[in-house]
Amino acid sequence: RLALDHNQVLIKDRLALRVASLFGE
């Protein structure tokens, strides 16, 4: 099983984007 979780701050302390994905299982 391979999974990715990335959290990217777009505007400090106000806005962020989070992407989680299961690549293989």
PDBML (XML) file of the C-alpha atoms, coordinates in Angstrom:
<?xml version="1.0" encoding="UTF-8" ?>
<PDBx:datablock datablockName="MODEL"
   xmlns:PDBx="http://pdbml.pdb.org/schema/pdbx-v50.xsd"
   xmlns:xsi="http://www.w3.org/2001/XMLSchema-instance"
   xsi:schemaLocation="http://pdbml.pdb.org/schema/pdbx-v50.xsd pdbx-v50.xsd">
   <PDBx:atom_siteCategory>
      <PDBx:atom_site id="1">
         <PDBx:B_iso_or_equiv>0.00</PDBx:B_iso_or_equiv>
         <PDBx:Cartn_x>0.000</PDBx:Cartn_x>
         <PDBx:Cartn_y>0.000</PDBx:Cartn_y>
         <PDBx:Cartn_z>0.000</PDBx:Cartn_z>
         <PDBx:auth_asym_id>A</PDBx:auth_asym_id>
         <PDBx:auth_atom_id>CA</PDBx:auth_atom_id>
         <PDBx:auth_comp_id>ARG</PDBx:auth_comp_id>
         <PDBx:auth_seq_id>1</PDBx:auth_seq_id>
         <PDBx:group_PDB>ATOM</PDBx:group_PDB>
         <PDBx:label_alt_id xsi:nil="true" />
         <PDBx:label_asym_id>A</PDBx:label_asym_id>
         <PDBx:label_atom_id>CA</PDBx:label_atom_id>
         <PDBx:label_comp_id>ARG</PDBx:label_comp_id>
         <PDBx:label_entity_id>1</PDBx:label_entity_id>
         <PDBx:label_seq_id>1</PDBx:label_seq_id>
         <PDBx:occupancy>1.00</PDBx:occupancy>
         <PDBx:pdbx_PDB_model_num>1</PDBx:pdbx_PDB_model_num>
         <PDBx:type_symbol>C</PDBx:type_symbol>
      </PDBx:atom_site>
      <PDBx:atom_site id="2">
         <PDBx:B_iso_or_equiv>0.00</PDBx:B_iso_or_equiv>
         <PDBx:Cartn_x>1.352</PDBx:Cartn_x>
         <PDBx:Cartn_y>3.457</PDBx:Cartn_y>
         <PDBx:Cartn_z>-0.928</PDBx:Cartn_z>
         <PDBx:auth_asym_id>A</PDBx:auth_asym_id>
         <PDBx:auth_atom_id>CA</PDBx:auth_atom_id>
         <PDBx:auth_comp_id>LEU</PDBx:auth_comp_id>
         <PDBx:auth_seq_id>2</PDBx:auth_seq_id>
         <PDBx:group_PDB>ATOM</PDBx:group_PDB>
         <PDBx:label_alt_id xsi:nil="true" />
         <PDBx:label_asym_id>A</PDBx:label_asym_id>
         <PDBx:label_atom_id>CA</PDBx:label_atom_id>
         <PDBx:label_comp_id>LEU</PDBx:label_comp_id>
         <PDBx:label_entity_id>1</PDBx:label_entity_id>
         <PDBx:label_seq_id>2</PDBx:label_seq_id>
         <PDBx:occupancy>1.00</PDBx:occupancy>
         <PDBx:pdbx_PDB_model_num>1</PDBx:pdbx_PDB_model_num>
         <PDBx:type_symbol>C</PDBx:type_symbol>
      </PDBx:atom_site>
      <PDBx:atom_site id="3">
         <PDBx:B_iso_or_equiv>0.00</PDBx:B_iso_or_equiv>
         <PDBx:Cartn_x>-0.316</PDBx:Cartn_x>
         <PDBx:Cartn_y>6.715</PDBx:Cartn_y>
         <PDBx:Cartn_z>0.178</PDBx:Cartn_z>
         <PDBx:auth_asym_id>A</PDBx:auth_asym_id>
         <PDBx:auth_atom_id>CA</PDBx:auth_atom_id>
         <PDBx:auth_comp_id>ALA</PDBx:auth_comp_id>
         <PDBx:auth_seq_id>3</PDBx:auth_seq_id>
         <PDBx:group_PDB>ATOM</PDBx:group_PDB>
         <PDBx:label_alt_id xsi:nil="true" />
         <PDBx:label_asym_id>A</PDBx:label_asym_id>
         <PDBx:label_atom_id>CA</PDBx:label_atom_id>
         <PDBx:label_comp_id>ALA</PDBx:label_comp_id>
         <PDBx:label_entity_id>1</PDBx:label_entity_id>
         <PDBx:label_seq_id>3</PDBx:label_seq_id>
         <PDBx:occupancy>1.00</PDBx:occupancy>
         <PDBx:pdbx_PDB_model_num>1</PDBx:pdbx_PDB_model_num>
         <PDBx:type_symbol>C</PDBx:type_symbol>
      </PDBx:atom_site>
      <PDBx:atom_site id="4">
         <PDBx:B_iso_or_equiv>0.00</PDBx:B_iso_or_equiv>
         <PDBx:Cartn_x>0.646</PDBx:Cartn_x>
         <PDBx:Cartn_y>10.396</PDBx:Cartn_y>
         <PDBx:Cartn_z>-0.099</PDBx:Cartn_z>
         <PDBx:auth_asym_id>A</PDBx:auth_asym_id>
         <PDBx:auth_atom_id>CA</PDBx:auth_atom_id>
         <PDBx:auth_comp_id>LEU</PDBx:auth_comp_id>
         <PDBx:auth_seq_id>4</PDBx:auth_seq_id>
         <PDBx:group_PDB>ATOM</PDBx:group_PDB>
         <PDBx:label_alt_id xsi:nil="true" />
         <PDBx:label_asym_id>A</PDBx:label_asym_id>
         <PDBx:label_atom_id>CA</PDBx:label_atom_id>
         <PDBx:label_comp_id>LEU</PDBx:label_comp_id>
         <PDBx:label_entity_id>1</PDBx:label_entity_id>
         <PDBx:label_seq_id>4</PDBx:label_seq_id>
         <PDBx:occupancy>1.00</PDBx:occupancy>
         <PDBx:pdbx_PDB_model_num>1</PDBx:pdbx_PDB_model_num>
         <PDBx:type_symbol>C</PDBx:type_symbol>
      </PDBx:atom_site>
      <PDBx:atom_site id="5">
         <PDBx:B_iso_or_equiv>0.00</PDBx:B_iso_or_equiv>
         <PDBx:Cartn_x>-0.520</PDBx:Cartn_x>
         <PDBx:Cartn_y>13.238</PDBx:Cartn_y>
         <PDBx:Cartn_z>2.171</PDBx:Cartn_z>
         <PDBx:auth_asym_id>A</PDBx:auth_asym_id>
         <PDBx:auth_atom_id>CA</PDBx:auth_atom_id>
         <PDBx:auth_comp_id>ASP</PDBx:auth_comp_id>
         <PDBx:auth_seq_id>5</PDBx:auth_seq_id>
         <PDBx:group_PDB>ATOM</PDBx:group_PDB>
         <PDBx:label_alt_id xsi:nil="true" />
         <PDBx:label_asym_id>A</PDBx:label_asym_id>
         <PDBx:label_atom_id>CA</PDBx:label_atom_id>
         <PDBx:label_comp_id>ASP</PDBx:label_comp_id>
         <PDBx:label_entity_id>1</PDBx:label_entity_id>
         <PDBx:label_seq_id>5</PDBx:label_seq_id>
         <PDBx:occupancy>1.00</PDBx:occupancy>
         <PDBx:pdbx_PDB_model_num>1</PDBx:pdbx_PDB_model_num>
         <PDBx:type_symbol>C</PDBx:type_symbol>
      </PDBx:atom_site>
      <PDBx:atom_site id="6">
         <PDBx:B_iso_or_equiv>0.00</PDBx:B_iso_or_equiv>
         <PDBx:Cartn_x>0.598</PDBx:Cartn_x>
         <PDBx:Cartn_y>16.792</PDBx:Cartn_y>
         <PDBx:Cartn_z>1.307</PDBx:Cartn_z>
         <PDBx:auth_asym_id>A</PDBx:auth_asym_id>
         <PDBx:auth_atom_id>CA</PDBx:auth_atom_id>
         <PDBx:auth_comp_id>HIS</PDBx:auth_comp_id>
         <PDBx:auth_seq_id>6</PDBx:auth_seq_id>
         <PDBx:group_PDB>ATOM</PDBx:group_PDB>
         <PDBx:label_alt_id xsi:nil="true" />
         <PDBx:label_asym_id>A</PDBx:label_asym_id>
         <PDBx:label_atom_id>CA</PDBx:label_atom_id>
         <PDBx:label_comp_id>HIS</PDBx:label_comp_id>
         <PDBx:label_entity_id>1</PDBx:label_entity_id>
         <PDBx:label_seq_id>6</PDBx:label_seq_id>
         <PDBx:occupancy>1.00</PDBx:occupancy>
         <PDBx:pdbx_PDB_model_num>1</PDBx:pdbx_PDB_model_num>
         <PDBx:type_symbol>C</PDBx:type_symbol>
      </PDBx:atom_site>
      <PDBx:atom_site id="7">
         <PDBx:B_iso_or_equiv>0.00</PDBx:B_iso_or_equiv>
         <PDBx:Cartn_x>-0.415</PDBx:Cartn_x>
         <PDBx:Cartn_y>19.993</PDBx:Cartn_y>
         <PDBx:Cartn_z>3.101</PDBx:Cartn_z>
         <PDBx:auth_asym_id>A</PDBx:auth_asym_id>
         <PDBx:auth_atom_id>CA</PDBx:auth_atom_id>
         <PDBx:auth_comp_id>ASN</PDBx:auth_comp_id>
         <PDBx:auth_seq_id>7</PDBx:auth_seq_id>
         <PDBx:group_PDB>ATOM</PDBx:group_PDB>
         <PDBx:label_alt_id xsi:nil="true" />
         <PDBx:label_asym_id>A</PDBx:label_asym_id>
         <PDBx:label_atom_id>CA</PDBx:label_atom_id>
         <PDBx:label_comp_id>ASN</PDBx:label_comp_id>
         <PDBx:label_entity_id>1</PDBx:label_entity_id>
         <PDBx:label_seq_id>7</PDBx:label_seq_id>
         <PDBx:occupancy>1.00</PDBx:occupancy>
         <PDBx:pdbx_PDB_model_num>1</PDBx:pdbx_PDB_model_num>
         <PDBx:type_symbol>C</PDBx:type_symbol>
      </PDBx:atom_site>
      <PDBx:atom_site id="8">
         <PDBx:B_iso_or_equiv>0.00</PDBx:B_iso_or_equiv>
         <PDBx:Cartn_x>0.554</PDBx:Cartn_x>
         <PDBx:Cartn_y>23.257</PDBx:Cartn_y>
         <PDBx:Cartn_z>1.393</PDBx:Cartn_z>
         <PDBx:auth_asym_id>A</PDBx:auth_asym_id>
         <PDBx:auth_atom_id>CA</PDBx:auth_atom_id>
         <PDBx:auth_comp_id>GLN</PDBx:auth_comp_id>
         <PDBx:auth_seq_id>8</PDBx:auth_seq_id>
         <PDBx:group_PDB>ATOM</PDBx:group_PDB>
         <PDBx:label_alt_id xsi:nil="true" />
         <PDBx:label_asym_id>A</PDBx:label_asym_id>
         <PDBx:label_atom_id>CA</PDBx:label_atom_id>
         <PDBx:label_comp_id>GLN</PDBx:label_comp_id>
         <PDBx:label_entity_id>1</PDBx:label_entity_id>
         <PDBx:label_seq_id>8</PDBx:label_seq_id>
         <PDBx:occupancy>1.00</PDBx:occupancy>
         <PDBx:pdbx_PDB_model_num>1</PDBx:pdbx_PDB_model_num>
         <PDBx:type_symbol>C</PDBx:type_symbol>
      </PDBx:atom_site>
      <PDBx:atom_site id="9">
         <PDBx:B_iso_or_equiv>0.00</PDBx:B_iso_or_equiv>
         <PDBx:Cartn_x>0.222</PDBx:Cartn_x>
         <PDBx:Cartn_y>26.641</PDBx:Cartn_y>
         <PDBx:Cartn_z>3.128</PDBx:Cartn_z>
         <PDBx:auth_asym_id>A</PDBx:auth_asym_id>
         <PDBx:auth_atom_id>CA</PDBx:auth_atom_id>
         <PDBx:auth_comp_id>VAL</PDBx:auth_comp_id>
         <PDBx:auth_seq_id>9</PDBx:auth_seq_id>
         <PDBx:group_PDB>ATOM</PDBx:group_PDB>
         <PDBx:label_alt_id xsi:nil="true" />
         <PDBx:label_asym_id>A</PDBx:label_asym_id>
         <PDBx:label_atom_id>CA</PDBx:label_atom_id>
         <PDBx:label_comp_id>VAL</PDBx:label_comp_id>
         <PDBx:label_entity_id>1</PDBx:label_entity_id>
         <PDBx:label_seq_id>9</PDBx:label_seq_id>
         <PDBx:occupancy>1.00</PDBx:occupancy>
         <PDBx:pdbx_PDB_model_num>1</PDBx:pdbx_PDB_model_num>
         <PDBx:type_symbol>C</PDBx:type_symbol>
      </PDBx:atom_site>
      <PDBx:atom_site id="10">
         <PDBx:B_iso_or_equiv>0.00</PDBx:B_iso_or_equiv>
         <PDBx:Cartn_x>-1.005</PDBx:Cartn_x>
         <PDBx:Cartn_y>29.201</PDBx:Cartn_y>
         <PDBx:Cartn_z>0.596</PDBx:Cartn_z>
         <PDBx:auth_asym_id>A</PDBx:auth_asym_id>
         <PDBx:auth_atom_id>CA</PDBx:auth_atom_id>
         <PDBx:auth_comp_id>LEU</PDBx:auth_comp_id>
         <PDBx:auth_seq_id>10</PDBx:auth_seq_id>
         <PDBx:group_PDB>ATOM</PDBx:group_PDB>
         <PDBx:label_alt_id xsi:nil="true" />
         <PDBx:label_asym_id>A</PDBx:label_asym_id>
         <PDBx:label_atom_id>CA</PDBx:label_atom_id>
         <PDBx:label_comp_id>LEU</PDBx:label_comp_id>
         <PDBx:label_entity_id>1</PDBx:label_entity_id>
         <PDBx:label_seq_id>10</PDBx:label_seq_id>
         <PDBx:occupancy>1.00</PDBx:occupancy>
         <PDBx:pdbx_PDB_model_num>1</PDBx:pdbx_PDB_model_num>
         <PDBx:type_symbol>C</PDBx:type_symbol>
      </PDBx:atom_site>
      <PDBx:atom_site id="11">
         <PDBx:B_iso_or_equiv>0.00</PDBx:B_iso_or_equiv>
         <PDBx:Cartn_x>-1.505</PDBx:Cartn_x>
         <PDBx:Cartn_y>32.196</PDBx:Cartn_y>
         <PDBx:Cartn_z>2.931</PDBx:Cartn_z>
         <PDBx:auth_asym_id>A</PDBx:auth_asym_id>
         <PDBx:auth_atom_id>CA</PDBx:auth_atom_id>
         <PDBx:auth_comp_id>ILE</PDBx:auth_comp_id>
         <PDBx:auth_seq_id>11</PDBx:auth_seq_id>
         <PDBx:group_PDB>ATOM</PDBx:group_PDB>
         <PDBx:label_alt_id xsi:nil="true" />
         <PDBx:label_asym_id>A</PDBx:label_asym_id>
         <PDBx:label_atom_id>CA</PDBx:label_atom_id>
         <PDBx:label_comp_id>ILE</PDBx:label_comp_id>
         <PDBx:label_entity_id>1</PDBx:label_entity_id>
         <PDBx:label_seq_id>11</PDBx:label_seq_id>
         <PDBx:occupancy>1.00</PDBx:occupancy>
         <PDBx:pdbx_PDB_model_num>1</PDBx:pdbx_PDB_model_num>
         <PDBx:type_symbol>C</PDBx:type_symbol>
      </PDBx:atom_site>
      <PDBx:atom_site id="12">
         <PDBx:B_iso_or_equiv>0.00</PDBx:B_iso_or_equiv>
         <PDBx:Cartn_x>0.190</PDBx:Cartn_x>
         <PDBx:Cartn_y>31.846</PDBx:Cartn_y>
         <PDBx:Cartn_z>6.339</PDBx:Cartn_z>
         <PDBx:auth_asym_id>A</PDBx:auth_asym_id>
         <PDBx:auth_atom_id>CA</PDBx:auth_atom_id>
         <PDBx:auth_comp_id>LYS</PDBx:auth_comp_id>
         <PDBx:auth_seq_id>12</PDBx:auth_seq_id>
         <PDBx:group_PDB>ATOM</PDBx:group_PDB>
         <PDBx:label_alt_id xsi:nil="true" />
         <PDBx:label_asym_id>A</PDBx:label_asym_id>
         <PDBx:label_atom_id>CA</PDBx:label_atom_id>
         <PDBx:label_comp_id>LYS</PDBx:label_comp_id>
         <PDBx:label_entity_id>1</PDBx:label_entity_id>
         <PDBx:label_seq_id>12</PDBx:label_seq_id>
         <PDBx:occupancy>1.00</PDBx:occupancy>
         <PDBx:pdbx_PDB_model_num>1</PDBx:pdbx_PDB_model_num>
         <PDBx:type_symbol>C</PDBx:type_symbol>
      </PDBx:atom_site>
      <PDBx:atom_site id="13">
         <PDBx:B_iso_or_equiv>0.00</PDBx:B_iso_or_equiv>
         <PDBx:Cartn_x>-2.357</PDBx:Cartn_x>
         <PDBx:Cartn_y>31.185</PDBx:Cartn_y>
         <PDBx:Cartn_z>9.134</PDBx:Cartn_z>
         <PDBx:auth_asym_id>A</PDBx:auth_asym_id>
         <PDBx:auth_atom_id>CA</PDBx:auth_atom_id>
         <PDBx:auth_comp_id>ASP</PDBx:auth_comp_id>
         <PDBx:auth_seq_id>13</PDBx:auth_seq_id>
         <PDBx:group_PDB>ATOM</PDBx:group_PDB>
         <PDBx:label_alt_id xsi:nil="true" />
         <PDBx:label_asym_id>A</PDBx:label_asym_id>
         <PDBx:label_atom_id>CA</PDBx:label_atom_id>
         <PDBx:label_comp_id>ASP</PDBx:label_comp_id>
         <PDBx:label_entity_id>1</PDBx:label_entity_id>
         <PDBx:label_seq_id>13</PDBx:label_seq_id>
         <PDBx:occupancy>1.00</PDBx:occupancy>
         <PDBx:pdbx_PDB_model_num>1</PDBx:pdbx_PDB_model_num>
         <PDBx:type_symbol>C</PDBx:type_symbol>
      </PDBx:atom_site>
      <PDBx:atom_site id="14">
         <PDBx:B_iso_or_equiv>0.00</PDBx:B_iso_or_equiv>
         <PDBx:Cartn_x>-5.299</PDBx:Cartn_x>
         <PDBx:Cartn_y>31.786</PDBx:Cartn_y>
         <PDBx:Cartn_z>6.753</PDBx:Cartn_z>
         <PDBx:auth_asym_id>A</PDBx:auth_asym_id>
         <PDBx:auth_atom_id>CA</PDBx:auth_atom_id>
         <PDBx:auth_comp_id>ARG</PDBx:auth_comp_id>
         <PDBx:auth_seq_id>14</PDBx:auth_seq_id>
         <PDBx:group_PDB>ATOM</PDBx:group_PDB>
         <PDBx:label_alt_id xsi:nil="true" />
         <PDBx:label_asym_id>A</PDBx:label_asym_id>
         <PDBx:label_atom_id>CA</PDBx:label_atom_id>
         <PDBx:label_comp_id>ARG</PDBx:label_comp_id>
         <PDBx:label_entity_id>1</PDBx:label_entity_id>
         <PDBx:label_seq_id>14</PDBx:label_seq_id>
         <PDBx:occupancy>1.00</PDBx:occupancy>
         <PDBx:pdbx_PDB_model_num>1</PDBx:pdbx_PDB_model_num>
         <PDBx:type_symbol>C</PDBx:type_symbol>
      </PDBx:atom_site>
      <PDBx:atom_site id="15">
         <PDBx:B_iso_or_equiv>0.00</PDBx:B_iso_or_equiv>
         <PDBx:Cartn_x>-5.410</PDBx:Cartn_x>
         <PDBx:Cartn_y>29.408</PDBx:Cartn_y>
         <PDBx:Cartn_z>3.787</PDBx:Cartn_z>
         <PDBx:auth_asym_id>A</PDBx:auth_asym_id>
         <PDBx:auth_atom_id>CA</PDBx:auth_atom_id>
         <PDBx:auth_comp_id>LEU</PDBx:auth_comp_id>
         <PDBx:auth_seq_id>15</PDBx:auth_seq_id>
         <PDBx:group_PDB>ATOM</PDBx:group_PDB>
         <PDBx:label_alt_id xsi:nil="true" />
         <PDBx:label_asym_id>A</PDBx:label_asym_id>
         <PDBx:label_atom_id>CA</PDBx:label_atom_id>
         <PDBx:label_comp_id>LEU</PDBx:label_comp_id>
         <PDBx:label_entity_id>1</PDBx:label_entity_id>
         <PDBx:label_seq_id>15</PDBx:label_seq_id>
         <PDBx:occupancy>1.00</PDBx:occupancy>
         <PDBx:pdbx_PDB_model_num>1</PDBx:pdbx_PDB_model_num>
         <PDBx:type_symbol>C</PDBx:type_symbol>
      </PDBx:atom_site>
      <PDBx:atom_site id="16">
         <PDBx:B_iso_or_equiv>0.00</PDBx:B_iso_or_equiv>
         <PDBx:Cartn_x>-4.023</PDBx:Cartn_x>
         <PDBx:Cartn_y>25.975</PDBx:Cartn_y>
         <PDBx:Cartn_z>3.006</PDBx:Cartn_z>
         <PDBx:auth_asym_id>A</PDBx:auth_asym_id>
         <PDBx:auth_atom_id>CA</PDBx:auth_atom_id>
         <PDBx:auth_comp_id>ALA</PDBx:auth_comp_id>
         <PDBx:auth_seq_id>16</PDBx:auth_seq_id>
         <PDBx:group_PDB>ATOM</PDBx:group_PDB>
         <PDBx:label_alt_id xsi:nil="true" />
         <PDBx:label_asym_id>A</PDBx:label_asym_id>
         <PDBx:label_atom_id>CA</PDBx:label_atom_id>
         <PDBx:label_comp_id>ALA</PDBx:label_comp_id>
         <PDBx:label_entity_id>1</PDBx:label_entity_id>
         <PDBx:label_seq_id>16</PDBx:label_seq_id>
         <PDBx:occupancy>1.00</PDBx:occupancy>
         <PDBx:pdbx_PDB_model_num>1</PDBx:pdbx_PDB_model_num>
         <PDBx:type_symbol>C</PDBx:type_symbol>
      </PDBx:atom_site>
      <PDBx:atom_site id="17">
         <PDBx:B_iso_or_equiv>0.00</PDBx:B_iso_or_equiv>
         <PDBx:Cartn_x>-4.590</PDBx:Cartn_x>
         <PDBx:Cartn_y>23.145</PDBx:Cartn_y>
         <PDBx:Cartn_z>0.548</PDBx:Cartn_z>
         <PDBx:auth_asym_id>A</PDBx:auth_asym_id>
         <PDBx:auth_atom_id>CA</PDBx:auth_atom_id>
         <PDBx:auth_comp_id>LEU</PDBx:auth_comp_id>
         <PDBx:auth_seq_id>17</PDBx:auth_seq_id>
         <PDBx:group_PDB>ATOM</PDBx:group_PDB>
         <PDBx:label_alt_id xsi:nil="true" />
         <PDBx:label_asym_id>A</PDBx:label_asym_id>
         <PDBx:label_atom_id>CA</PDBx:label_atom_id>
         <PDBx:label_comp_id>LEU</PDBx:label_comp_id>
         <PDBx:label_entity_id>1</PDBx:label_entity_id>
         <PDBx:label_seq_id>17</PDBx:label_seq_id>
         <PDBx:occupancy>1.00</PDBx:occupancy>
         <PDBx:pdbx_PDB_model_num>1</PDBx:pdbx_PDB_model_num>
         <PDBx:type_symbol>C</PDBx:type_symbol>
      </PDBx:atom_site>
      <PDBx:atom_site id="18">
         <PDBx:B_iso_or_equiv>0.00</PDBx:B_iso_or_equiv>
         <PDBx:Cartn_x>-4.363</PDBx:Cartn_x>
         <PDBx:Cartn_y>19.477</PDBx:Cartn_y>
         <PDBx:Cartn_z>1.518</PDBx:Cartn_z>
         <PDBx:auth_asym_id>A</PDBx:auth_asym_id>
         <PDBx:auth_atom_id>CA</PDBx:auth_atom_id>
         <PDBx:auth_comp_id>ARG</PDBx:auth_comp_id>
         <PDBx:auth_seq_id>18</PDBx:auth_seq_id>
         <PDBx:group_PDB>ATOM</PDBx:group_PDB>
         <PDBx:label_alt_id xsi:nil="true" />
         <PDBx:label_asym_id>A</PDBx:label_asym_id>
         <PDBx:label_atom_id>CA</PDBx:label_atom_id>
         <PDBx:label_comp_id>ARG</PDBx:label_comp_id>
         <PDBx:label_entity_id>1</PDBx:label_entity_id>
         <PDBx:label_seq_id>18</PDBx:label_seq_id>
         <PDBx:occupancy>1.00</PDBx:occupancy>
         <PDBx:pdbx_PDB_model_num>1</PDBx:pdbx_PDB_model_num>
         <PDBx:type_symbol>C</PDBx:type_symbol>
      </PDBx:atom_site>
      <PDBx:atom_site id="19">
         <PDBx:B_iso_or_equiv>0.00</PDBx:B_iso_or_equiv>
         <PDBx:Cartn_x>-4.219</PDBx:Cartn_x>
         <PDBx:Cartn_y>16.601</PDBx:Cartn_y>
         <PDBx:Cartn_z>-0.936</PDBx:Cartn_z>
         <PDBx:auth_asym_id>A</PDBx:auth_asym_id>
         <PDBx:auth_atom_id>CA</PDBx:auth_atom_id>
         <PDBx:auth_comp_id>VAL</PDBx:auth_comp_id>
         <PDBx:auth_seq_id>19</PDBx:auth_seq_id>
         <PDBx:group_PDB>ATOM</PDBx:group_PDB>
         <PDBx:label_alt_id xsi:nil="true" />
         <PDBx:label_asym_id>A</PDBx:label_asym_id>
         <PDBx:label_atom_id>CA</PDBx:label_atom_id>
         <PDBx:label_comp_id>VAL</PDBx:label_comp_id>
         <PDBx:label_entity_id>1</PDBx:label_entity_id>
         <PDBx:label_seq_id>19</PDBx:label_seq_id>
         <PDBx:occupancy>1.00</PDBx:occupancy>
         <PDBx:pdbx_PDB_model_num>1</PDBx:pdbx_PDB_model_num>
         <PDBx:type_symbol>C</PDBx:type_symbol>
      </PDBx:atom_site>
      <PDBx:atom_site id="20">
         <PDBx:B_iso_or_equiv>0.00</PDBx:B_iso_or_equiv>
         <PDBx:Cartn_x>-4.294</PDBx:Cartn_x>
         <PDBx:Cartn_y>12.959</PDBx:Cartn_y>
         <PDBx:Cartn_z>0.115</PDBx:Cartn_z>
         <PDBx:auth_asym_id>A</PDBx:auth_asym_id>
         <PDBx:auth_atom_id>CA</PDBx:auth_atom_id>
         <PDBx:auth_comp_id>ALA</PDBx:auth_comp_id>
         <PDBx:auth_seq_id>20</PDBx:auth_seq_id>
         <PDBx:group_PDB>ATOM</PDBx:group_PDB>
         <PDBx:label_alt_id xsi:nil="true" />
         <PDBx:label_asym_id>A</PDBx:label_asym_id>
         <PDBx:label_atom_id>CA</PDBx:label_atom_id>
         <PDBx:label_comp_id>ALA</PDBx:label_comp_id>
         <PDBx:label_entity_id>1</PDBx:label_entity_id>
         <PDBx:label_seq_id>20</PDBx:label_seq_id>
         <PDBx:occupancy>1.00</PDBx:occupancy>
         <PDBx:pdbx_PDB_model_num>1</PDBx:pdbx_PDB_model_num>
         <PDBx:type_symbol>C</PDBx:type_symbol>
      </PDBx:atom_site>
      <PDBx:atom_site id="21">
         <PDBx:B_iso_or_equiv>0.00</PDBx:B_iso_or_equiv>
         <PDBx:Cartn_x>-4.136</PDBx:Cartn_x>
         <PDBx:Cartn_y>10.121</PDBx:Cartn_y>
         <PDBx:Cartn_z>-2.344</PDBx:Cartn_z>
         <PDBx:auth_asym_id>A</PDBx:auth_asym_id>
         <PDBx:auth_atom_id>CA</PDBx:auth_atom_id>
         <PDBx:auth_comp_id>SER</PDBx:auth_comp_id>
         <PDBx:auth_seq_id>21</PDBx:auth_seq_id>
         <PDBx:group_PDB>ATOM</PDBx:group_PDB>
         <PDBx:label_alt_id xsi:nil="true" />
         <PDBx:label_asym_id>A</PDBx:label_asym_id>
         <PDBx:label_atom_id>CA</PDBx:label_atom_id>
         <PDBx:label_comp_id>SER</PDBx:label_comp_id>
         <PDBx:label_entity_id>1</PDBx:label_entity_id>
         <PDBx:label_seq_id>21</PDBx:label_seq_id>
         <PDBx:occupancy>1.00</PDBx:occupancy>
         <PDBx:pdbx_PDB_model_num>1</PDBx:pdbx_PDB_model_num>
         <PDBx:type_symbol>C</PDBx:type_symbol>
      </PDBx:atom_site>
      <PDBx:atom_site id="22">
         <PDBx:B_iso_or_equiv>0.00</PDBx:B_iso_or_equiv>
         <PDBx:Cartn_x>-3.868</PDBx:Cartn_x>
         <PDBx:Cartn_y>6.347</PDBx:Cartn_y>
         <PDBx:Cartn_z>-2.329</PDBx:Cartn_z>
         <PDBx:auth_asym_id>A</PDBx:auth_asym_id>
         <PDBx:auth_atom_id>CA</PDBx:auth_atom_id>
         <PDBx:auth_comp_id>LEU</PDBx:auth_comp_id>
         <PDBx:auth_seq_id>22</PDBx:auth_seq_id>
         <PDBx:group_PDB>ATOM</PDBx:group_PDB>
         <PDBx:label_alt_id xsi:nil="true" />
         <PDBx:label_asym_id>A</PDBx:label_asym_id>
         <PDBx:label_atom_id>CA</PDBx:label_atom_id>
         <PDBx:label_comp_id>LEU</PDBx:label_comp_id>
         <PDBx:label_entity_id>1</PDBx:label_entity_id>
         <PDBx:label_seq_id>22</PDBx:label_seq_id>
         <PDBx:occupancy>1.00</PDBx:occupancy>
         <PDBx:pdbx_PDB_model_num>1</PDBx:pdbx_PDB_model_num>
         <PDBx:type_symbol>C</PDBx:type_symbol>
      </PDBx:atom_site>
      <PDBx:atom_site id="23">
         <PDBx:B_iso_or_equiv>0.00</PDBx:B_iso_or_equiv>
         <PDBx:Cartn_x>-1.494</PDBx:Cartn_x>
         <PDBx:Cartn_y>5.456</PDBx:Cartn_y>
         <PDBx:Cartn_z>-5.166</PDBx:Cartn_z>
         <PDBx:auth_asym_id>A</PDBx:auth_asym_id>
         <PDBx:auth_atom_id>CA</PDBx:auth_atom_id>
         <PDBx:auth_comp_id>PHE</PDBx:auth_comp_id>
         <PDBx:auth_seq_id>23</PDBx:auth_seq_id>
         <PDBx:group_PDB>ATOM</PDBx:group_PDB>
         <PDBx:label_alt_id xsi:nil="true" />
         <PDBx:label_asym_id>A</PDBx:label_asym_id>
         <PDBx:label_atom_id>CA</PDBx:label_atom_id>
         <PDBx:label_comp_id>PHE</PDBx:label_comp_id>
         <PDBx:label_entity_id>1</PDBx:label_entity_id>
         <PDBx:label_seq_id>23</PDBx:label_seq_id>
         <PDBx:occupancy>1.00</PDBx:occupancy>
         <PDBx:pdbx_PDB_model_num>1</PDBx:pdbx_PDB_model_num>
         <PDBx:type_symbol>C</PDBx:type_symbol>
      </PDBx:atom_site>
      <PDBx:atom_site id="24">
         <PDBx:B_iso_or_equiv>0.00</PDBx:B_iso_or_equiv>
         <PDBx:Cartn_x>-1.433</PDBx:Cartn_x>
         <PDBx:Cartn_y>1.718</PDBx:Cartn_y>
         <PDBx:Cartn_z>-4.963</PDBx:Cartn_z>
         <PDBx:auth_asym_id>A</PDBx:auth_asym_id>
         <PDBx:auth_atom_id>CA</PDBx:auth_atom_id>
         <PDBx:auth_comp_id>GLY</PDBx:auth_comp_id>
         <PDBx:auth_seq_id>24</PDBx:auth_seq_id>
         <PDBx:group_PDB>ATOM</PDBx:group_PDB>
         <PDBx:label_alt_id xsi:nil="true" />
         <PDBx:label_asym_id>A</PDBx:label_asym_id>
         <PDBx:label_atom_id>CA</PDBx:label_atom_id>
         <PDBx:label_comp_id>GLY</PDBx:label_comp_id>
         <PDBx:label_entity_id>1</PDBx:label_entity_id>
         <PDBx:label_seq_id>24</PDBx:label_seq_id>
         <PDBx:occupancy>1.00</PDBx:occupancy>
         <PDBx:pdbx_PDB_model_num>1</PDBx:pdbx_PDB_model_num>
         <PDBx:type_symbol>C</PDBx:type_symbol>
      </PDBx:atom_site>
      <PDBx:atom_site id="25">
         <PDBx:B_iso_or_equiv>0.00</PDBx:B_iso_or_equiv>
         <PDBx:Cartn_x>-2.835</PDBx:Cartn_x>
         <PDBx:Cartn_y>-1.121</PDBx:Cartn_y>
         <PDBx:Cartn_z>-2.979</PDBx:Cartn_z>
         <PDBx:auth_asym_id>A</PDBx:auth_asym_id>
         <PDBx:auth_atom_id>CA</PDBx:auth_atom_id>
         <PDBx:auth_comp_id>GLU</PDBx:auth_comp_id>
         <PDBx:auth_seq_id>25</PDBx:auth_seq_id>
         <PDBx:group_PDB>ATOM</PDBx:group_PDB>
         <PDBx:label_alt_id xsi:nil="true" />
         <PDBx:label_asym_id>A</PDBx:label_asym_id>
         <PDBx:label_atom_id>CA</PDBx:label_atom_id>
         <PDBx:label_comp_id>GLU</PDBx:label_comp_id>
         <PDBx:label_entity_id>1</PDBx:label_entity_id>
         <PDBx:label_seq_id>25</PDBx:label_seq_id>
         <PDBx:occupancy>1.00</PDBx:occupancy>
         <PDBx:pdbx_PDB_model_num>1</PDBx:pdbx_PDB_model_num>
         <PDBx:type_symbol>C</PDBx:type_symbol>
      </PDBx:atom_site>
   </PDBx:atom_siteCategory>
</PDBx:datablock>
